Amino acid sequence: ATARLRVVARDHDPAVVGRSFGAAA
């Protein structure tokens, strides 16, 4: 009964899509 919402982020700067990205979720 579980759906999955996959969120993929890409950027030239690793800080933009680093740990802070997951922390926002």
mmCIF file of all heavy atoms, coordinates in Angstrom:
data_MODEL
# 
_entry.id   MODEL 
# 
loop_
_atom_site.group_PDB 
_atom_site.id 
_atom_site.type_symbol 
_atom_site.label_atom_id 
_atom_site.label_alt_id 
_atom_site.label_comp_id 
_atom_site.label_asym_id 
_atom_site.label_entity_id 
_atom_site.label_seq_id 
_atom_site.pdbx_PDB_ins_code 
_atom_site.Cartn_x 
_atom_site.Cartn_y 
_atom_site.Cartn_z 
_atom_site.occupancy 
_atom_site.B_iso_or_equiv 
_atom_site.pdbx_formal_charge 
_atom_site.auth_seq_id 
_atom_site.auth_comp_id 
_atom_site.auth_asym_id 
_atom_site.auth_atom_id 
_atom_site.pdbx_PDB_model_num 
ATOM 1   N N   . ALA A 1 1  ? 0.807  -1.222 0.000   1.00 0.00 ? 1  ALA A N   1 
ATOM 2   C CA  . ALA A 1 1  ? 0.000  0.000  0.000   1.00 0.00 ? 1  ALA A CA  1 
ATOM 3   C C   . ALA A 1 1  ? 0.839  1.271  0.000   1.00 0.00 ? 1  ALA A C   1 
ATOM 4   O O   . ALA A 1 1  ? 0.311  2.361  0.198   1.00 0.00 ? 1  ALA A O   1 
ATOM 5   C CB  . ALA A 1 1  ? -0.923 -0.012 1.217   1.00 0.00 ? 1  ALA A CB  1 
ATOM 6   N N   . THR A 1 2  ? 2.120  1.169  -0.207  1.00 0.00 ? 2  THR A N   1 
ATOM 7   C CA  . THR A 1 2  ? 3.015  2.321  -0.116  1.00 0.00 ? 2  THR A CA  1 
ATOM 8   C C   . THR A 1 2  ? 3.473  2.788  -1.487  1.00 0.00 ? 2  THR A C   1 
ATOM 9   O O   . THR A 1 2  ? 4.025  2.008  -2.272  1.00 0.00 ? 2  THR A O   1 
ATOM 10  C CB  . THR A 1 2  ? 4.257  1.982  0.734   1.00 0.00 ? 2  THR A CB  1 
ATOM 11  O OG1 . THR A 1 2  ? 3.830  1.669  2.063   1.00 0.00 ? 2  THR A OG1 1 
ATOM 12  C CG2 . THR A 1 2  ? 5.223  3.148  0.800   1.00 0.00 ? 2  THR A CG2 1 
ATOM 13  N N   . ALA A 1 3  ? 3.233  4.077  -1.764  1.00 0.00 ? 3  ALA A N   1 
ATOM 14  C CA  . ALA A 1 3  ? 3.791  4.726  -2.945  1.00 0.00 ? 3  ALA A CA  1 
ATOM 15  C C   . ALA A 1 3  ? 5.119  5.386  -2.553  1.00 0.00 ? 3  ALA A C   1 
ATOM 16  O O   . ALA A 1 3  ? 5.406  5.577  -1.360  1.00 0.00 ? 3  ALA A O   1 
ATOM 17  C CB  . ALA A 1 3  ? 2.817  5.773  -3.481  1.00 0.00 ? 3  ALA A CB  1 
ATOM 18  N N   . ARG A 1 4  ? 5.901  5.739  -3.555  1.00 0.00 ? 4  ARG A N   1 
ATOM 19  C CA  . ARG A 1 4  ? 7.213  6.337  -3.281  1.00 0.00 ? 4  ARG A CA  1 
ATOM 20  C C   . ARG A 1 4  ? 7.358  7.620  -4.095  1.00 0.00 ? 4  ARG A C   1 
ATOM 21  O O   . ARG A 1 4  ? 7.176  7.610  -5.315  1.00 0.00 ? 4  ARG A O   1 
ATOM 22  C CB  . ARG A 1 4  ? 8.340  5.359  -3.648  1.00 0.00 ? 4  ARG A CB  1 
ATOM 23  C CG  . ARG A 1 4  ? 8.339  4.103  -2.777  1.00 0.00 ? 4  ARG A CG  1 
ATOM 24  C CD  . ARG A 1 4  ? 9.306  3.055  -3.294  1.00 0.00 ? 4  ARG A CD  1 
ATOM 25  N NE  . ARG A 1 4  ? 9.279  1.872  -2.444  1.00 0.00 ? 4  ARG A NE  1 
ATOM 26  C CZ  . ARG A 1 4  ? 10.105 1.642  -1.433  1.00 0.00 ? 4  ARG A CZ  1 
ATOM 27  N NH1 . ARG A 1 4  ? 11.056 2.525  -1.159  1.00 0.00 ? 4  ARG A NH1 1 
ATOM 28  N NH2 . ARG A 1 4  ? 10.013 0.555  -0.699  1.00 0.00 ? 4  ARG A NH2 1 
ATOM 29  N N   . LEU A 1 5  ? 7.717  8.690  -3.394  1.00 0.00 ? 5  LEU A N   1 
ATOM 30  C CA  . LEU A 1 5  ? 8.016  9.953  -4.056  1.00 0.00 ? 5  LEU A CA  1 
ATOM 31  C C   . LEU A 1 5  ? 9.527  10.147 -4.037  1.00 0.00 ? 5  LEU A C   1 
ATOM 32  O O   . LEU A 1 5  ? 10.133 10.376 -2.992  1.00 0.00 ? 5  LEU A O   1 
ATOM 33  C CB  . LEU A 1 5  ? 7.331  11.129 -3.347  1.00 0.00 ? 5  LEU A CB  1 
ATOM 34  C CG  . LEU A 1 5  ? 7.661  12.516 -3.922  1.00 0.00 ? 5  LEU A CG  1 
ATOM 35  C CD1 . LEU A 1 5  ? 7.154  12.650 -5.360  1.00 0.00 ? 5  LEU A CD1 1 
ATOM 36  C CD2 . LEU A 1 5  ? 7.099  13.627 -3.041  1.00 0.00 ? 5  LEU A CD2 1 
ATOM 37  N N   . ARG A 1 6  ? 10.112 10.029 -5.203  1.00 0.00 ? 6  ARG A N   1 
ATOM 38  C CA  . ARG A 1 6  ? 11.569 10.139 -5.317  1.00 0.00 ? 6  ARG A CA  1 
ATOM 39  C C   . ARG A 1 6  ? 11.936 11.552 -5.753  1.00 0.00 ? 6  ARG A C   1 
ATOM 40  O O   . ARG A 1 6  ? 11.419 12.052 -6.756  1.00 0.00 ? 6  ARG A O   1 
ATOM 41  C CB  . ARG A 1 6  ? 12.087 9.129  -6.337  1.00 0.00 ? 6  ARG A CB  1 
ATOM 42  C CG  . ARG A 1 6  ? 13.599 9.024  -6.402  1.00 0.00 ? 6  ARG A CG  1 
ATOM 43  C CD  . ARG A 1 6  ? 14.011 8.045  -7.466  1.00 0.00 ? 6  ARG A CD  1 
ATOM 44  N NE  . ARG A 1 6  ? 15.447 7.848  -7.513  1.00 0.00 ? 6  ARG A NE  1 
ATOM 45  C CZ  . ARG A 1 6  ? 16.118 7.515  -8.597  1.00 0.00 ? 6  ARG A CZ  1 
ATOM 46  N NH1 . ARG A 1 6  ? 15.462 7.333  -9.737  1.00 0.00 ? 6  ARG A NH1 1 
ATOM 47  N NH2 . ARG A 1 6  ? 17.426 7.348  -8.560  1.00 0.00 ? 6  ARG A NH2 1 
ATOM 48  N N   . VAL A 1 7  ? 12.826 12.163 -4.993  1.00 0.00 ? 7  VAL A N   1 
ATOM 49  C CA  . VAL A 1 7  ? 13.258 13.534 -5.277  1.00 0.00 ? 7  VAL A CA  1 
ATOM 50  C C   . VAL A 1 7  ? 14.750 13.504 -5.585  1.00 0.00 ? 7  VAL A C   1 
ATOM 51  O O   . VAL A 1 7  ? 15.557 13.096 -4.745  1.00 0.00 ? 7  VAL A O   1 
ATOM 52  C CB  . VAL A 1 7  ? 12.987 14.469 -4.084  1.00 0.00 ? 7  VAL A CB  1 
ATOM 53  C CG1 . VAL A 1 7  ? 13.287 15.918 -4.473  1.00 0.00 ? 7  VAL A CG1 1 
ATOM 54  C CG2 . VAL A 1 7  ? 11.550 14.322 -3.595  1.00 0.00 ? 7  VAL A CG2 1 
ATOM 55  N N   . VAL A 1 8  ? 15.114 13.924 -6.781  1.00 0.00 ? 8  VAL A N   1 
ATOM 56  C CA  . VAL A 1 8  ? 16.515 13.916 -7.207  1.00 0.00 ? 8  VAL A CA  1 
ATOM 57  C C   . VAL A 1 8  ? 16.950 15.353 -7.487  1.00 0.00 ? 8  VAL A C   1 
ATOM 58  O O   . VAL A 1 8  ? 16.287 16.081 -8.239  1.00 0.00 ? 8  VAL A O   1 
ATOM 59  C CB  . VAL A 1 8  ? 16.717 13.062 -8.472  1.00 0.00 ? 8  VAL A CB  1 
ATOM 60  C CG1 . VAL A 1 8  ? 18.166 13.110 -8.924  1.00 0.00 ? 8  VAL A CG1 1 
ATOM 61  C CG2 . VAL A 1 8  ? 16.288 11.619 -8.204  1.00 0.00 ? 8  VAL A CG2 1 
ATOM 62  N N   . ALA A 1 9  ? 18.067 15.752 -6.867  1.00 0.00 ? 9  ALA A N   1 
ATOM 63  C CA  . ALA A 1 9  ? 18.605 17.098 -7.045  1.00 0.00 ? 9  ALA A CA  1 
ATOM 64  C C   . ALA A 1 9  ? 19.997 17.019 -7.649  1.00 0.00 ? 9  ALA A C   1 
ATOM 65  O O   . ALA A 1 9  ? 20.805 16.176 -7.247  1.00 0.00 ? 9  ALA A O   1 
ATOM 66  C CB  . ALA A 1 9  ? 18.653 17.825 -5.705  1.00 0.00 ? 9  ALA A CB  1 
ATOM 67  N N   . ARG A 1 10 ? 20.272 17.929 -8.600  1.00 0.00 ? 10 ARG A N   1 
ATOM 68  C CA  . ARG A 1 10 ? 21.589 17.997 -9.238  1.00 0.00 ? 10 ARG A CA  1 
ATOM 69  C C   . ARG A 1 10 ? 22.073 19.440 -9.247  1.00 0.00 ? 10 ARG A C   1 
ATOM 70  O O   . ARG A 1 10 ? 21.285 20.367 -9.472  1.00 0.00 ? 10 ARG A O   1 
ATOM 71  C CB  . ARG A 1 10 ? 21.543 17.468 -10.670 1.00 0.00 ? 10 ARG A CB  1 
ATOM 72  C CG  . ARG A 1 10 ? 21.245 15.983 -10.793 1.00 0.00 ? 10 ARG A CG  1 
ATOM 73  C CD  . ARG A 1 10 ? 21.258 15.561 -12.256 1.00 0.00 ? 10 ARG A CD  1 
ATOM 74  N NE  . ARG A 1 10 ? 21.195 14.126 -12.413 1.00 0.00 ? 10 ARG A NE  1 
ATOM 75  C CZ  . ARG A 1 10 ? 20.062 13.424 -12.487 1.00 0.00 ? 10 ARG A CZ  1 
ATOM 76  N NH1 . ARG A 1 10 ? 18.894 14.040 -12.404 1.00 0.00 ? 10 ARG A NH1 1 
ATOM 77  N NH2 . ARG A 1 10 ? 20.105 12.117 -12.631 1.00 0.00 ? 10 ARG A NH2 1 
ATOM 78  N N   . ASP A 1 11 ? 23.393 19.599 -9.047  1.00 0.00 ? 11 ASP A N   1 
ATOM 79  C CA  . ASP A 1 11 ? 23.962 20.937 -9.066  1.00 0.00 ? 11 ASP A CA  1 
ATOM 80  C C   . ASP A 1 11 ? 25.479 20.817 -9.237  1.00 0.00 ? 11 ASP A C   1 
ATOM 81  O O   . ASP A 1 11 ? 26.071 19.785 -8.877  1.00 0.00 ? 11 ASP A O   1 
ATOM 82  C CB  . ASP A 1 11 ? 23.637 21.687 -7.768  1.00 0.00 ? 11 ASP A CB  1 
ATOM 83  C CG  . ASP A 1 11 ? 23.800 23.195 -7.913  1.00 0.00 ? 11 ASP A CG  1 
ATOM 84  O OD1 . ASP A 1 11 ? 24.939 23.692 -7.782  1.00 0.00 ? 11 ASP A OD1 1 
ATOM 85  O OD2 . ASP A 1 11 ? 22.780 23.873 -8.153  1.00 0.00 ? 11 ASP A OD2 1 
ATOM 86  N N   . HIS A 1 12 ? 26.109 21.877 -9.739  1.00 0.00 ? 12 HIS A N   1 
ATOM 87  C CA  . HIS A 1 12 ? 27.562 21.869 -9.875  1.00 0.00 ? 12 HIS A CA  1 
ATOM 88  C C   . HIS A 1 12 ? 28.258 22.053 -8.540  1.00 0.00 ? 12 HIS A C   1 
ATOM 89  O O   . HIS A 1 12 ? 29.437 21.752 -8.395  1.00 0.00 ? 12 HIS A O   1 
ATOM 90  C CB  . HIS A 1 12 ? 28.005 22.967 -10.839 1.00 0.00 ? 12 HIS A CB  1 
ATOM 91  C CG  . HIS A 1 12 ? 27.812 24.353 -10.298 1.00 0.00 ? 12 HIS A CG  1 
ATOM 92  N ND1 . HIS A 1 12 ? 26.580 24.993 -10.286 1.00 0.00 ? 12 HIS A ND1 1 
ATOM 93  C CD2 . HIS A 1 12 ? 28.695 25.215 -9.721  1.00 0.00 ? 12 HIS A CD2 1 
ATOM 94  C CE1 . HIS A 1 12 ? 26.718 26.184 -9.742  1.00 0.00 ? 12 HIS A CE1 1 
ATOM 95  N NE2 . HIS A 1 12 ? 27.971 26.353 -9.381  1.00 0.00 ? 12 HIS A NE2 1 
ATOM 96  N N   . ASP A 1 13 ? 27.519 22.567 -7.533  1.00 0.00 ? 13 ASP A N   1 
ATOM 97  C CA  . ASP A 1 13 ? 28.076 22.818 -6.203  1.00 0.00 ? 13 ASP A CA  1 
ATOM 98  C C   . ASP A 1 13 ? 27.631 21.707 -5.253  1.00 0.00 ? 13 ASP A C   1 
ATOM 99  O O   . ASP A 1 13 ? 26.432 21.574 -4.980  1.00 0.00 ? 13 ASP A O   1 
ATOM 100 C CB  . ASP A 1 13 ? 27.600 24.176 -5.686  1.00 0.00 ? 13 ASP A CB  1 
ATOM 101 C CG  . ASP A 1 13 ? 28.232 24.561 -4.354  1.00 0.00 ? 13 ASP A CG  1 
ATOM 102 O OD1 . ASP A 1 13 ? 28.888 23.690 -3.732  1.00 0.00 ? 13 ASP A OD1 1 
ATOM 103 O OD2 . ASP A 1 13 ? 28.056 25.715 -3.926  1.00 0.00 ? 13 ASP A OD2 1 
ATOM 104 N N   . PRO A 1 14 ? 28.555 20.901 -4.730  1.00 0.00 ? 14 PRO A N   1 
ATOM 105 C CA  . PRO A 1 14 ? 28.136 19.808 -3.845  1.00 0.00 ? 14 PRO A CA  1 
ATOM 106 C C   . PRO A 1 14 ? 27.452 20.280 -2.574  1.00 0.00 ? 14 PRO A C   1 
ATOM 107 O O   . PRO A 1 14 ? 26.636 19.550 -1.999  1.00 0.00 ? 14 PRO A O   1 
ATOM 108 C CB  . PRO A 1 14 ? 29.460 19.085 -3.526  1.00 0.00 ? 14 PRO A CB  1 
ATOM 109 C CG  . PRO A 1 14 ? 30.527 20.087 -3.782  1.00 0.00 ? 14 PRO A CG  1 
ATOM 110 C CD  . PRO A 1 14 ? 30.027 20.947 -4.891  1.00 0.00 ? 14 PRO A CD  1 
ATOM 111 N N   . ALA A 1 15 ? 27.726 21.508 -2.128  1.00 0.00 ? 15 ALA A N   1 
ATOM 112 C CA  . ALA A 1 15 ? 27.095 22.013 -0.910  1.00 0.00 ? 15 ALA A CA  1 
ATOM 113 C C   . ALA A 1 15 ? 25.594 22.222 -1.112  1.00 0.00 ? 15 ALA A C   1 
ATOM 114 O O   . ALA A 1 15 ? 24.798 22.025 -0.185  1.00 0.00 ? 15 ALA A O   1 
ATOM 115 C CB  . ALA A 1 15 ? 27.756 23.324 -0.485  1.00 0.00 ? 15 ALA A CB  1 
ATOM 116 N N   . VAL A 1 16 ? 25.190 22.597 -2.325  1.00 0.00 ? 16 VAL A N   1 
ATOM 117 C CA  . VAL A 1 16 ? 23.775 22.855 -2.593  1.00 0.00 ? 16 VAL A CA  1 
ATOM 118 C C   . VAL A 1 16 ? 22.955 21.571 -2.498  1.00 0.00 ? 16 VAL A C   1 
ATOM 119 O O   . VAL A 1 16 ? 21.802 21.588 -2.043  1.00 0.00 ? 16 VAL A O   1 
ATOM 120 C CB  . VAL A 1 16 ? 23.613 23.511 -3.984  1.00 0.00 ? 16 VAL A CB  1 
ATOM 121 C CG1 . VAL A 1 16 ? 22.137 23.610 -4.380  1.00 0.00 ? 16 VAL A CG1 1 
ATOM 122 C CG2 . VAL A 1 16 ? 24.258 24.884 -3.996  1.00 0.00 ? 16 VAL A CG2 1 
ATOM 123 N N   . VAL A 1 17 ? 23.536 20.453 -2.905  1.00 0.00 ? 17 VAL A N   1 
ATOM 124 C CA  . VAL A 1 17 ? 22.801 19.179 -2.883  1.00 0.00 ? 17 VAL A CA  1 
ATOM 125 C C   . VAL A 1 17 ? 23.430 18.218 -1.880  1.00 0.00 ? 17 VAL A C   1 
ATOM 126 O O   . VAL A 1 17 ? 23.320 17.006 -2.017  1.00 0.00 ? 17 VAL A O   1 
ATOM 127 C CB  . VAL A 1 17 ? 22.751 18.550 -4.293  1.00 0.00 ? 17 VAL A CB  1 
ATOM 128 C CG1 . VAL A 1 17 ? 21.891 19.377 -5.213  1.00 0.00 ? 17 VAL A CG1 1 
ATOM 129 C CG2 . VAL A 1 17 ? 24.155 18.389 -4.873  1.00 0.00 ? 17 VAL A CG2 1 
ATOM 130 N N   . GLY A 1 18 ? 24.048 18.758 -0.858  1.00 0.00 ? 18 GLY A N   1 
ATOM 131 C CA  . GLY A 1 18 ? 24.690 17.937 0.158   1.00 0.00 ? 18 GLY A CA  1 
ATOM 132 C C   . GLY A 1 18 ? 23.732 17.545 1.267   1.00 0.00 ? 18 GLY A C   1 
ATOM 133 O O   . GLY A 1 18 ? 22.511 17.415 1.070   1.00 0.00 ? 18 GLY A O   1 
ATOM 134 N N   . ARG A 1 19 ? 24.287 17.397 2.454   1.00 0.00 ? 19 ARG A N   1 
ATOM 135 C CA  . ARG A 1 19 ? 23.492 16.930 3.598   1.00 0.00 ? 19 ARG A CA  1 
ATOM 136 C C   . ARG A 1 19 ? 22.313 17.854 3.896   1.00 0.00 ? 19 ARG A C   1 
ATOM 137 O O   . ARG A 1 19 ? 21.265 17.415 4.364   1.00 0.00 ? 19 ARG A O   1 
ATOM 138 C CB  . ARG A 1 19 ? 24.402 16.792 4.813   1.00 0.00 ? 19 ARG A CB  1 
ATOM 139 C CG  . ARG A 1 19 ? 23.777 16.051 5.989   1.00 0.00 ? 19 ARG A CG  1 
ATOM 140 C CD  . ARG A 1 19 ? 24.813 15.781 7.053   1.00 0.00 ? 19 ARG A CD  1 
ATOM 141 N NE  . ARG A 1 19 ? 25.805 14.829 6.586   1.00 0.00 ? 19 ARG A NE  1 
ATOM 142 C CZ  . ARG A 1 19 ? 25.676 13.501 6.684   1.00 0.00 ? 19 ARG A CZ  1 
ATOM 143 N NH1 . ARG A 1 19 ? 24.578 12.981 7.232   1.00 0.00 ? 19 ARG A NH1 1 
ATOM 144 N NH2 . ARG A 1 19 ? 26.621 12.711 6.247   1.00 0.00 ? 19 ARG A NH2 1 
ATOM 145 N N   . SER A 1 20 ? 22.479 19.139 3.620   1.00 0.00 ? 20 SER A N   1 
ATOM 146 C CA  . SER A 1 20 ? 21.392 20.092 3.907   1.00 0.00 ? 20 SER A CA  1 
ATOM 147 C C   . SER A 1 20 ? 20.162 19.804 3.058   1.00 0.00 ? 20 SER A C   1 
ATOM 148 O O   . SER A 1 20 ? 19.031 20.099 3.466   1.00 0.00 ? 20 SER A O   1 
ATOM 149 C CB  . SER A 1 20 ? 21.869 21.520 3.662   1.00 0.00 ? 20 SER A CB  1 
ATOM 150 O OG  . SER A 1 20 ? 22.248 21.705 2.297   1.00 0.00 ? 20 SER A OG  1 
ATOM 151 N N   . PHE A 1 21 ? 20.354 19.235 1.874   1.00 0.00 ? 21 PHE A N   1 
ATOM 152 C CA  . PHE A 1 21 ? 19.221 18.874 1.018   1.00 0.00 ? 21 PHE A CA  1 
ATOM 153 C C   . PHE A 1 21 ? 18.368 17.805 1.703   1.00 0.00 ? 21 PHE A C   1 
ATOM 154 O O   . PHE A 1 21 ? 17.139 17.923 1.788   1.00 0.00 ? 21 PHE A O   1 
ATOM 155 C CB  . PHE A 1 21 ? 19.741 18.388 -0.327  1.00 0.00 ? 21 PHE A CB  1 
ATOM 156 C CG  . PHE A 1 21 ? 18.722 17.692 -1.177  1.00 0.00 ? 21 PHE A CG  1 
ATOM 157 C CD1 . PHE A 1 21 ? 17.709 18.400 -1.798  1.00 0.00 ? 21 PHE A CD1 1 
ATOM 158 C CD2 . PHE A 1 21 ? 18.771 16.311 -1.353  1.00 0.00 ? 21 PHE A CD2 1 
ATOM 159 C CE1 . PHE A 1 21 ? 16.760 17.749 -2.577  1.00 0.00 ? 21 PHE A CE1 1 
ATOM 160 C CE2 . PHE A 1 21 ? 17.837 15.662 -2.137  1.00 0.00 ? 21 PHE A CE2 1 
ATOM 161 C CZ  . PHE A 1 21 ? 16.825 16.377 -2.753  1.00 0.00 ? 21 PHE A CZ  1 
ATOM 162 N N   . GLY A 1 22 ? 19.002 16.744 2.204   1.00 0.00 ? 22 GLY A N   1 
ATOM 163 C CA  . GLY A 1 22 ? 18.256 15.719 2.926   1.00 0.00 ? 22 GLY A CA  1 
ATOM 164 C C   . GLY A 1 22 ? 17.670 16.243 4.225   1.00 0.00 ? 22 GLY A C   1 
ATOM 165 O O   . GLY A 1 22 ? 16.572 15.838 4.632   1.00 0.00 ? 22 GLY A O   1 
ATOM 166 N N   . ALA A 1 23 ? 18.396 17.149 4.878   1.00 0.00 ? 23 ALA A N   1 
ATOM 167 C CA  . ALA A 1 23 ? 17.896 17.707 6.138   1.00 0.00 ? 23 ALA A CA  1 
ATOM 168 C C   . ALA A 1 23 ? 16.612 18.488 5.917   1.00 0.00 ? 23 ALA A C   1 
ATOM 169 O O   . ALA A 1 23 ? 15.720 18.501 6.783   1.00 0.00 ? 23 ALA A O   1 
ATOM 170 C CB  . ALA A 1 23 ? 18.962 18.598 6.765   1.00 0.00 ? 23 ALA A CB  1 
ATOM 171 N N   . ALA A 1 24 ? 16.467 19.137 4.743   1.00 0.00 ? 24 ALA A N   1 
ATOM 172 C CA  . ALA A 1 24 ? 15.241 19.870 4.443   1.00 0.00 ? 24 ALA A CA  1 
ATOM 173 C C   . ALA A 1 24 ? 14.036 18.934 4.422   1.00 0.00 ? 24 ALA A C   1 
ATOM 174 O O   . ALA A 1 24 ? 12.926 19.308 4.842   1.00 0.00 ? 24 ALA A O   1 
ATOM 175 C CB  . ALA A 1 24 ? 15.387 20.587 3.106   1.00 0.00 ? 24 ALA A CB  1 
ATOM 176 N N   . ALA A 1 25 ? 14.246 17.705 3.939   1.00 0.00 ? 25 ALA A N   1 
ATOM 177 C CA  . ALA A 1 25 ? 13.156 16.729 3.945   1.00 0.00 ? 25 ALA A CA  1 
ATOM 178 C C   . ALA A 1 25 ? 12.836 16.266 5.362   1.00 0.00 ? 25 ALA A C   1 
ATOM 179 O O   . ALA A 1 25 ? 11.657 16.145 5.746   1.00 0.00 ? 25 ALA A O   1 
ATOM 180 C CB  . ALA A 1 25 ? 13.528 15.534 3.070   1.00 0.00 ? 25 ALA A CB  1 
# 
